[in-house]
């Protein structure tokens, strides 16, 4: 859509029109979600409908539905998401979390793995909050001291019930995210990793699978994989007790 608009209207005008269309679409989805109390299946149906195309998560529908069911059953009160991108997983968390939940997103602008939503999306993402929920958007590198300090200030001595890791996909990067932020988990918390299936490209750049295979058997865990032959994607969930 963007390339076609640029050819016809020029870069600046096409960006304004694209922003307007995306904003309207996301507002429409948020409004619809708040008209009724959606369950996990309803939420996924909305995200993967034509209406949800600008907010749809970069996930296989079958995989994220299973994660959504876990969230629905647990209704986490404190959530940290590392990697937000188009906003679909953040939206899903808000829909299925406790009505008083604190939901924190850390996302790196111009991140090499597809992250970095533009600043004009900030009010849209804040609008995902329902009832008495609070959404905090931290834009920066999850590995930096500045971001870590900002996160701890935002957490304000709470414990994380649900940690979603979908930021840096290098082995070192995802390991650092897990090791640092898991120190602040509540008892019996869940930690979800995206892209646990190996990257089968000729020159792979996703290595979440390496860490996942190292640590998964240390905890009760689930794997949600659409097709065993696929490259990347797949969701892995750990149940962390008494860290």
C-alpha atoms as a PDB file:
ATOM      1  CA  UNK A   1       0.000   0.000   0.000  1.00  0.00           C
ATOM      2  CA  UNK A   2       2.729   2.499   0.982  1.00  0.00           C
ATOM      3  CA  UNK A   3       4.733   1.999  -2.233  1.00  0.00           C
ATOM      4  CA  UNK A   4       1.652   2.550  -4.405  1.00  0.00           C
ATOM      5  CA  UNK A   5       0.687   5.721  -2.522  1.00  0.00           C
ATOM      6  CA  UNK A   6       4.220   7.100  -2.791  1.00  0.00           C
ATOM      7  CA  UNK A   7       4.229   6.647  -6.572  1.00  0.00           C
ATOM      8  CA  UNK A   8       0.912   8.441  -6.949  1.00  0.00           C
ATOM      9  CA  UNK A   9       1.095  11.150  -4.281  1.00  0.00           C
ATOM     10  CA  UNK A  10       4.697  11.554  -3.253  1.00  0.00           C
ATOM     11  CA  UNK A  11       6.415  10.551  -0.044  1.00  0.00           C
ATOM     12  CA  UNK A  12       5.117  13.105   2.493  1.00  0.00           C
ATOM     13  CA  UNK A  13       1.460  12.992   1.510  1.00  0.00           C
ATOM     14  CA  UNK A  14       1.455   9.195   1.224  1.00  0.00           C
ATOM     15  CA  UNK A  15       2.879   8.914   4.759  1.00  0.00           C
ATOM     16  CA  UNK A  16       0.123  11.149   6.125  1.00  0.00           C
ATOM     17  CA  UNK A  17      -2.568   9.102   4.391  1.00  0.00           C
ATOM     18  CA  UNK A  18      -1.003   5.809   5.500  1.00  0.00           C
ATOM     19  CA  UNK A  19      -0.802   7.043   9.110  1.00  0.00           C
ATOM     20  CA  UNK A  20      -4.442   8.149   9.004  1.00  0.00           C
ATOM     21  CA  UNK A  21      -5.644   4.816   7.640  1.00  0.00           C
ATOM     22  CA  UNK A  22      -3.651   2.784  10.174  1.00  0.00           C
ATOM     23  CA  UNK A  23      -4.725   4.992  13.089  1.00  0.00           C
ATOM     24  CA  UNK A  24      -8.381   4.752  12.133  1.00  0.00           C
ATOM     25  CA  UNK A  25      -8.133   0.978  11.735  1.00  0.00           C
ATOM     26  CA  UNK A  26      -6.468   0.445  15.122  1.00  0.00           C
ATOM     27  CA  UNK A  27      -8.943   2.777  16.890  1.00  0.00           C
ATOM     28  CA  UNK A  28     -11.781   0.805  15.345  1.00  0.00           C
ATOM     29  CA  UNK A  29     -10.390  -2.496  16.626  1.00  0.00           C
ATOM     30  CA  UNK A  30      -9.827  -1.083  20.118  1.00  0.00           C
ATOM     31  CA  UNK A  31     -13.350   0.332  20.207  1.00  0.00           C
ATOM     32  CA  UNK A  32     -14.841  -2.982  19.127  1.00  0.00           C
ATOM     33  CA  UNK A  33     -12.808  -4.888  21.735  1.00  0.00           C
ATOM     34  CA  UNK A  34     -14.169  -2.687  24.520  1.00  0.00           C
ATOM     35  CA  UNK A  35     -17.796  -3.150  23.582  1.00  0.00           C
ATOM     36  CA  UNK A  36     -17.779  -6.678  24.944  1.00  0.00           C
ATOM     37  CA  UNK A  37     -15.731  -8.898  27.245  1.00  0.00           C
ATOM     38  CA  UNK A  38     -13.710 -10.907  24.716  1.00  0.00           C
ATOM     39  CA  UNK A  39     -12.346 -14.330  25.597  1.00  0.00           C
ATOM     40  CA  UNK A  40      -9.102 -15.735  24.171  1.00  0.00           C
ATOM     41  CA  UNK A  41     -10.700 -17.137  21.013  1.00  0.00           C
ATOM     42  CA  UNK A  42     -12.666 -13.936  20.359  1.00  0.00           C
ATOM     43  CA  UNK A  43      -9.529 -11.852  20.796  1.00  0.00           C
ATOM     44  CA  UNK A  44      -7.551 -13.945  18.301  1.00  0.00           C
ATOM     45  CA  UNK A  45     -10.463 -13.903  15.866  1.00  0.00           C
ATOM     46  CA  UNK A  46     -10.477 -10.099  15.991  1.00  0.00           C
ATOM     47  CA  UNK A  47      -6.699  -9.802  15.568  1.00  0.00           C
ATOM     48  CA  UNK A  48      -6.673 -12.131  12.561  1.00  0.00           C
ATOM     49  CA  UNK A  49      -9.749 -10.625  10.925  1.00  0.00           C
ATOM     50  CA  UNK A  50      -9.524  -8.102   8.090  1.00  0.00           C
ATOM     51  CA  UNK A  51     -10.135  -5.340  10.639  1.00  0.00           C
ATOM     52  CA  UNK A  52      -7.066  -6.313  12.624  1.00  0.00           C
ATOM     53  CA  UNK A  53      -4.540  -6.356   9.793  1.00  0.00           C
ATOM     54  CA  UNK A  54      -2.595  -3.302  11.043  1.00  0.00           C
ATOM     55  CA  UNK A  55      -2.282  -4.645  14.572  1.00  0.00           C
ATOM     56  CA  UNK A  56      -2.006  -8.358  13.862  1.00  0.00           C
ATOM     57  CA  UNK A  57       0.924 -10.005  15.686  1.00  0.00           C
ATOM     58  CA  UNK A  58       3.724 -11.626  13.691  1.00  0.00           C
ATOM     59  CA  UNK A  59       2.687 -15.071  14.843  1.00  0.00           C
ATOM     60  CA  UNK A  60       0.985 -18.192  13.586  1.00  0.00           C
ATOM     61  CA  UNK A  61      -2.650 -17.998  14.621  1.00  0.00           C
ATOM     62  CA  UNK A  62      -2.673 -21.528  16.039  1.00  0.00           C
ATOM     63  CA  UNK A  63       0.411 -20.836  18.168  1.00  0.00           C
ATOM     64  CA  UNK A  64      -0.693 -17.562  19.698  1.00  0.00           C
ATOM     65  CA  UNK A  65      -4.182 -18.880  20.414  1.00  0.00           C
ATOM     66  CA  UNK A  66      -2.672 -21.394  22.842  1.00  0.00           C
ATOM     67  CA  UNK A  67      -0.723 -18.619  24.569  1.00  0.00           C
ATOM     68  CA  UNK A  68      -3.890 -16.510  24.729  1.00  0.00           C
ATOM     69  CA  UNK A  69      -5.711 -19.342  26.501  1.00  0.00           C
ATOM     70  CA  UNK A  70      -2.972 -19.443  29.147  1.00  0.00           C
ATOM     71  CA  UNK A  71      -3.264 -15.692  29.693  1.00  0.00           C
ATOM     72  CA  UNK A  72      -7.032 -15.921  29.929  1.00  0.00           C
ATOM     73  CA  UNK A  73      -6.795 -18.625  32.602  1.00  0.00           C
ATOM     74  CA  UNK A  74      -4.174 -16.774  34.646  1.00  0.00           C
ATOM     75  CA  UNK A  75      -5.221 -13.121  34.209  1.00  0.00           C
ATOM     76  CA  UNK A  76      -1.756 -11.742  35.043  1.00  0.00           C
ATOM     77  CA  UNK A  77      -1.574  -8.563  37.106  1.00  0.00           C
ATOM     78  CA  UNK A  78       1.903  -7.461  36.038  1.00  0.00           C
ATOM     79  CA  UNK A  79       3.181  -7.949  32.499  1.00  0.00           C
ATOM     80  CA  UNK A  80       6.449  -7.152  30.757  1.00  0.00           C
ATOM     81  CA  UNK A  81       6.686  -7.417  26.973  1.00  0.00           C
ATOM     82  CA  UNK A  82      10.069  -7.082  25.289  1.00  0.00           C
ATOM     83  CA  UNK A  83       9.406  -6.381  21.613  1.00  0.00           C
ATOM     84  CA  UNK A  84       6.081  -4.803  20.665  1.00  0.00           C
ATOM     85  CA  UNK A  85       6.344  -3.862  16.969  1.00  0.00           C
ATOM     86  CA  UNK A  86       2.843  -3.676  15.441  1.00  0.00           C
ATOM     87  CA  UNK A  87       1.208  -3.945  18.863  1.00  0.00           C
ATOM     88  CA  UNK A  88      -0.752  -7.168  18.504  1.00  0.00           C
ATOM     89  CA  UNK A  89       0.727  -8.999  21.486  1.00  0.00           C
ATOM     90  CA  UNK A  90       0.442  -5.885  23.664  1.00  0.00           C
ATOM     91  CA  UNK A  91      -3.216  -5.560  22.685  1.00  0.00           C
ATOM     92  CA  UNK A  92      -3.802  -9.233  23.476  1.00  0.00           C
ATOM     93  CA  UNK A  93      -2.172  -8.878  26.887  1.00  0.00           C
ATOM     94  CA  UNK A  94      -4.404  -5.940  27.784  1.00  0.00           C
ATOM     95  CA  UNK A  95      -7.521  -7.811  26.679  1.00  0.00           C
ATOM     96  CA  UNK A  96      -6.790 -10.899  28.771  1.00  0.00           C
ATOM     97  CA  UNK A  97      -4.960  -9.469  31.801  1.00  0.00           C
ATOM     98  CA  UNK A  98      -6.414  -8.485  35.149  1.00  0.00           C
ATOM     99  CA  UNK A  99      -8.558  -5.343  35.038  1.00  0.00           C
ATOM    100  CA  UNK A 100      -6.023  -3.575  37.294  1.00  0.00           C
ATOM    101  CA  UNK A 101      -2.919  -4.854  35.515  1.00  0.00           C
ATOM    102  CA  UNK A 102       0.328  -2.978  35.008  1.00  0.00           C
ATOM    103  CA  UNK A 103       1.499  -3.696  31.452  1.00  0.00           C
ATOM    104  CA  UNK A 104       5.008  -2.608  30.469  1.00  0.00           C
ATOM    105  CA  UNK A 105       6.397  -2.660  26.935  1.00  0.00           C
ATOM    106  CA  UNK A 106      10.076  -2.304  26.052  1.00  0.00           C
ATOM    107  CA  UNK A 107      10.724  -1.803  22.354  1.00  0.00           C
ATOM    108  CA  UNK A 108      13.832  -0.599  20.511  1.00  0.00           C
ATOM    109  CA  UNK A 109      13.275   2.004  17.808  1.00  0.00           C
ATOM    110  CA  UNK A 110      14.776   0.790  14.506  1.00  0.00           C
ATOM    111  CA  UNK A 111      15.448  -2.615  16.058  1.00  0.00           C
ATOM    112  CA  UNK A 112      16.974  -5.047  13.574  1.00  0.00           C
ATOM    113  CA  UNK A 113      14.291  -7.683  14.232  1.00  0.00           C
ATOM    114  CA  UNK A 114      11.345  -5.582  13.113  1.00  0.00           C
ATOM    115  CA  UNK A 115      10.633  -3.535  16.217  1.00  0.00           C
ATOM    116  CA  UNK A 116      10.497   0.197  16.704  1.00  0.00           C
ATOM    117  CA  UNK A 117       6.993   1.536  16.333  1.00  0.00           C
ATOM    118  CA  UNK A 118       6.810   5.264  15.417  1.00  0.00           C
ATOM    119  CA  UNK A 119       6.034   7.845  18.094  1.00  0.00           C
ATOM    120  CA  UNK A 120       2.592   8.584  16.652  1.00  0.00           C
ATOM    121  CA  UNK A 121       1.508   5.086  17.719  1.00  0.00           C
ATOM    122  CA  UNK A 122       2.152   5.817  21.411  1.00  0.00           C
ATOM    123  CA  UNK A 123      -1.376   7.150  22.149  1.00  0.00           C
ATOM    124  CA  UNK A 124      -2.849   4.247  20.176  1.00  0.00           C
ATOM    125  CA  UNK A 125      -0.955   1.694  22.267  1.00  0.00           C
ATOM    126  CA  UNK A 126      -1.876   3.509  25.479  1.00  0.00           C
ATOM    127  CA  UNK A 127      -5.527   3.243  24.450  1.00  0.00           C
ATOM    128  CA  UNK A 128      -5.337  -0.568  24.750  1.00  0.00           C
ATOM    129  CA  UNK A 129      -5.711  -0.222  28.529  1.00  0.00           C
ATOM    130  CA  UNK A 130      -9.121  -1.222  29.841  1.00  0.00           C
ATOM    131  CA  UNK A 131     -10.814  -0.523  33.155  1.00  0.00           C
ATOM    132  CA  UNK A 132      -8.052   0.391  35.634  1.00  0.00           C
ATOM    133  CA  UNK A 133      -5.113  -1.002  33.688  1.00  0.00           C
ATOM    134  CA  UNK A 134      -1.947   1.042  33.239  1.00  0.00           C
ATOM    135  CA  UNK A 135       0.261   0.736  30.161  1.00  0.00           C
ATOM    136  CA  UNK A 136       3.838   1.988  30.284  1.00  0.00           C
ATOM    137  CA  UNK A 137       5.791   2.245  27.026  1.00  0.00           C
ATOM    138  CA  UNK A 138       9.580   2.271  27.315  1.00  0.00           C
ATOM    139  CA  UNK A 139      11.301   2.922  23.998  1.00  0.00           C
ATOM    140  CA  UNK A 140      14.888   1.752  24.076  1.00  0.00           C
ATOM    141  CA  UNK A 141      17.300  -1.171  24.272  1.00  0.00           C
ATOM    142  CA  UNK A 142      16.232  -3.747  26.872  1.00  0.00           C
ATOM    143  CA  UNK A 143      19.934  -4.426  27.546  1.00  0.00           C
ATOM    144  CA  UNK A 144      20.864  -0.844  28.406  1.00  0.00           C
ATOM    145  CA  UNK A 145      21.269   0.342  32.009  1.00  0.00           C
ATOM    146  CA  UNK A 146      19.044   3.338  31.278  1.00  0.00           C
ATOM    147  CA  UNK A 147      16.145   1.133  30.173  1.00  0.00           C
ATOM    148  CA  UNK A 148      16.667  -1.377  32.975  1.00  0.00           C
ATOM    149  CA  UNK A 149      16.597   1.434  35.545  1.00  0.00           C
ATOM    150  CA  UNK A 150      13.500   2.925  33.945  1.00  0.00           C
ATOM    151  CA  UNK A 151      11.813  -0.463  34.015  1.00  0.00           C
ATOM    152  CA  UNK A 152      12.598  -1.046  37.697  1.00  0.00           C
ATOM    153  CA  UNK A 153      11.242   2.392  38.556  1.00  0.00           C
ATOM    154  CA  UNK A 154       8.061   1.603  36.626  1.00  0.00           C
ATOM    155  CA  UNK A 155       7.756  -1.845  38.218  1.00  0.00           C
ATOM    156  CA  UNK A 156       7.865  -0.177  41.665  1.00  0.00           C
ATOM    157  CA  UNK A 157       8.594  -3.345  43.652  1.00  0.00           C
ATOM    158  CA  UNK A 158       5.896  -5.398  41.918  1.00  0.00           C
ATOM    159  CA  UNK A 159       6.672  -8.861  40.536  1.00  0.00           C
ATOM    160  CA  UNK A 160       6.171  -9.914  36.908  1.00  0.00           C
ATOM    161  CA  UNK A 161       3.439 -12.522  36.360  1.00  0.00           C
ATOM    162  CA  UNK A 162       3.927 -12.763  32.590  1.00  0.00           C
ATOM    163  CA  UNK A 163       7.136 -12.023  30.688  1.00  0.00           C
ATOM    164  CA  UNK A 164       7.039 -12.089  26.880  1.00  0.00           C
ATOM    165  CA  UNK A 165      10.435 -12.066  25.141  1.00  0.00           C
ATOM    166  CA  UNK A 166      10.442 -11.131  21.457  1.00  0.00           C
ATOM    167  CA  UNK A 167      13.173  -8.525  21.087  1.00  0.00           C
ATOM    168  CA  UNK A 168      16.806  -9.265  20.302  1.00  0.00           C
ATOM    169  CA  UNK A 169      16.924 -12.687  18.612  1.00  0.00           C
ATOM    170  CA  UNK A 170      20.662 -13.281  18.989  1.00  0.00           C
ATOM    171  CA  UNK A 171      21.627 -15.991  21.454  1.00  0.00           C
ATOM    172  CA  UNK A 172      23.435 -13.492  23.688  1.00  0.00           C
ATOM    173  CA  UNK A 173      20.626 -10.959  23.469  1.00  0.00           C
ATOM    174  CA  UNK A 174      17.740 -13.249  24.354  1.00  0.00           C
ATOM    175  CA  UNK A 175      19.810 -14.848  27.113  1.00  0.00           C
ATOM    176  CA  UNK A 176      20.496 -11.452  28.668  1.00  0.00           C
ATOM    177  CA  UNK A 177      16.802 -10.542  28.524  1.00  0.00           C
ATOM    178  CA  UNK A 178      15.839 -13.794  30.206  1.00  0.00           C
ATOM    179  CA  UNK A 179      18.520 -13.708  32.887  1.00  0.00           C
ATOM    180  CA  UNK A 180      18.003 -10.088  33.890  1.00  0.00           C
ATOM    181  CA  UNK A 181      14.213  -9.699  33.768  1.00  0.00           C
ATOM    182  CA  UNK A 182      13.459 -13.151  35.195  1.00  0.00           C
ATOM    183  CA  UNK A 183      14.963 -11.938  38.473  1.00  0.00           C
ATOM    184  CA  UNK A 184      11.746  -9.966  38.966  1.00  0.00           C
ATOM    185  CA  UNK A 185       9.239 -12.752  38.342  1.00  0.00           C
ATOM    186  CA  UNK A 186       6.495 -13.660  40.769  1.00  0.00           C
ATOM    187  CA  UNK A 187       6.197 -17.245  41.964  1.00  0.00           C
ATOM    188  CA  UNK A 188       4.574 -19.469  39.336  1.00  0.00           C
ATOM    189  CA  UNK A 189       5.034 -16.830  36.627  1.00  0.00           C
ATOM    190  CA  UNK A 190       5.050 -17.639  32.927  1.00  0.00           C
ATOM    191  CA  UNK A 191       7.783 -16.661  30.480  1.00  0.00           C
ATOM    192  CA  UNK A 192       7.017 -16.867  26.759  1.00  0.00           C
ATOM    193  CA  UNK A 193       9.660 -16.853  24.008  1.00  0.00           C
ATOM    194  CA  UNK A 194       8.844 -16.187  20.365  1.00  0.00           C
ATOM    195  CA  UNK A 195      10.753 -17.847  17.484  1.00  0.00           C
ATOM    196  CA  UNK A 196      11.725 -21.025  19.333  1.00  0.00           C
ATOM    197  CA  UNK A 197      11.837 -22.953  16.039  1.00  0.00           C
ATOM    198  CA  UNK A 198      15.280 -22.934  14.419  1.00  0.00           C
ATOM    199  CA  UNK A 199      15.992 -20.459  11.645  1.00  0.00           C
ATOM    200  CA  UNK A 200      16.425 -22.612   8.547  1.00  0.00           C
ATOM    201  CA  UNK A 201      17.582 -19.805   6.265  1.00  0.00           C
ATOM    202  CA  UNK A 202      20.883 -20.163   4.406  1.00  0.00           C
ATOM    203  CA  UNK A 203      22.265 -17.364   6.593  1.00  0.00           C
ATOM    204  CA  UNK A 204      20.252 -17.600   9.819  1.00  0.00           C
ATOM    205  CA  UNK A 205      19.977 -14.605  12.131  1.00  0.00           C
ATOM    206  CA  UNK A 206      17.448 -15.923  14.696  1.00  0.00           C
ATOM    207  CA  UNK A 207      18.968 -17.970  17.530  1.00  0.00           C
ATOM    208  CA  UNK A 208      16.224 -18.056  20.179  1.00  0.00           C
ATOM    209  CA  UNK A 209      15.938 -21.801  19.529  1.00  0.00           C
ATOM    210  CA  UNK A 210      19.474 -22.383  20.833  1.00  0.00           C
ATOM    211  CA  UNK A 211      18.727 -20.827  24.216  1.00  0.00           C
ATOM    212  CA  UNK A 212      15.269 -22.392  24.359  1.00  0.00           C
ATOM    213  CA  UNK A 213      16.670 -25.892  23.899  1.00  0.00           C
ATOM    214  CA  UNK A 214      19.264 -25.230  26.595  1.00  0.00           C
ATOM    215  CA  UNK A 215      16.836 -24.132  29.285  1.00  0.00           C
ATOM    216  CA  UNK A 216      13.399 -25.597  28.585  1.00  0.00           C
ATOM    217  CA  UNK A 217      13.926 -28.896  30.411  1.00  0.00           C
ATOM    218  CA  UNK A 218      14.835 -27.072  33.617  1.00  0.00           C
ATOM    219  CA  UNK A 219      11.200 -25.973  33.991  1.00  0.00           C
ATOM    220  CA  UNK A 220       7.674 -27.188  33.299  1.00  0.00           C
ATOM    221  CA  UNK A 221       7.108 -25.943  29.774  1.00  0.00           C
ATOM    222  CA  UNK A 222       4.892 -25.886  26.694  1.00  0.00           C
ATOM    223  CA  UNK A 223       5.730 -25.610  23.015  1.00  0.00           C
ATOM    224  CA  UNK A 224       3.194 -24.214  20.564  1.00  0.00           C
ATOM    225  CA  UNK A 225       4.414 -24.939  17.033  1.00  0.00           C
ATOM    226  CA  UNK A 226       2.218 -24.791  13.966  1.00  0.00           C
ATOM    227  CA  UNK A 227       4.339 -27.102  11.780  1.00  0.00           C
ATOM    228  CA  UNK A 228       7.478 -29.001  12.773  1.00  0.00           C
ATOM    229  CA  UNK A 229       9.050 -28.207   9.387  1.00  0.00           C
ATOM    230  CA  UNK A 230       8.615 -24.434   9.610  1.00  0.00           C
ATOM    231  CA  UNK A 231      11.471 -21.951   9.917  1.00  0.00           C
ATOM    232  CA  UNK A 232      11.331 -19.654  12.956  1.00  0.00           C
ATOM    233  CA  UNK A 233       8.127 -18.656  14.753  1.00  0.00           C
ATOM    234  CA  UNK A 234       6.782 -21.039  17.369  1.00  0.00           C
ATOM    235  CA  UNK A 235       6.124 -20.109  20.987  1.00  0.00           C
ATOM    236  CA  UNK A 236       7.746 -21.631  24.044  1.00  0.00           C
ATOM    237  CA  UNK A 237       6.355 -21.059  27.542  1.00  0.00           C
ATOM    238  CA  UNK A 238       8.134 -21.758  30.826  1.00  0.00           C
ATOM    239  CA  UNK A 239       6.406 -21.993  34.199  1.00  0.00           C
ATOM    240  CA  UNK A 240       8.868 -20.488  36.682  1.00  0.00           C
ATOM    241  CA  UNK A 241       8.465 -21.434  40.329  1.00  0.00           C
ATOM    242  CA  UNK A 242      10.404 -20.135  43.326  1.00  0.00           C
ATOM    243  CA  UNK A 243      13.229 -18.419  41.512  1.00  0.00           C
END
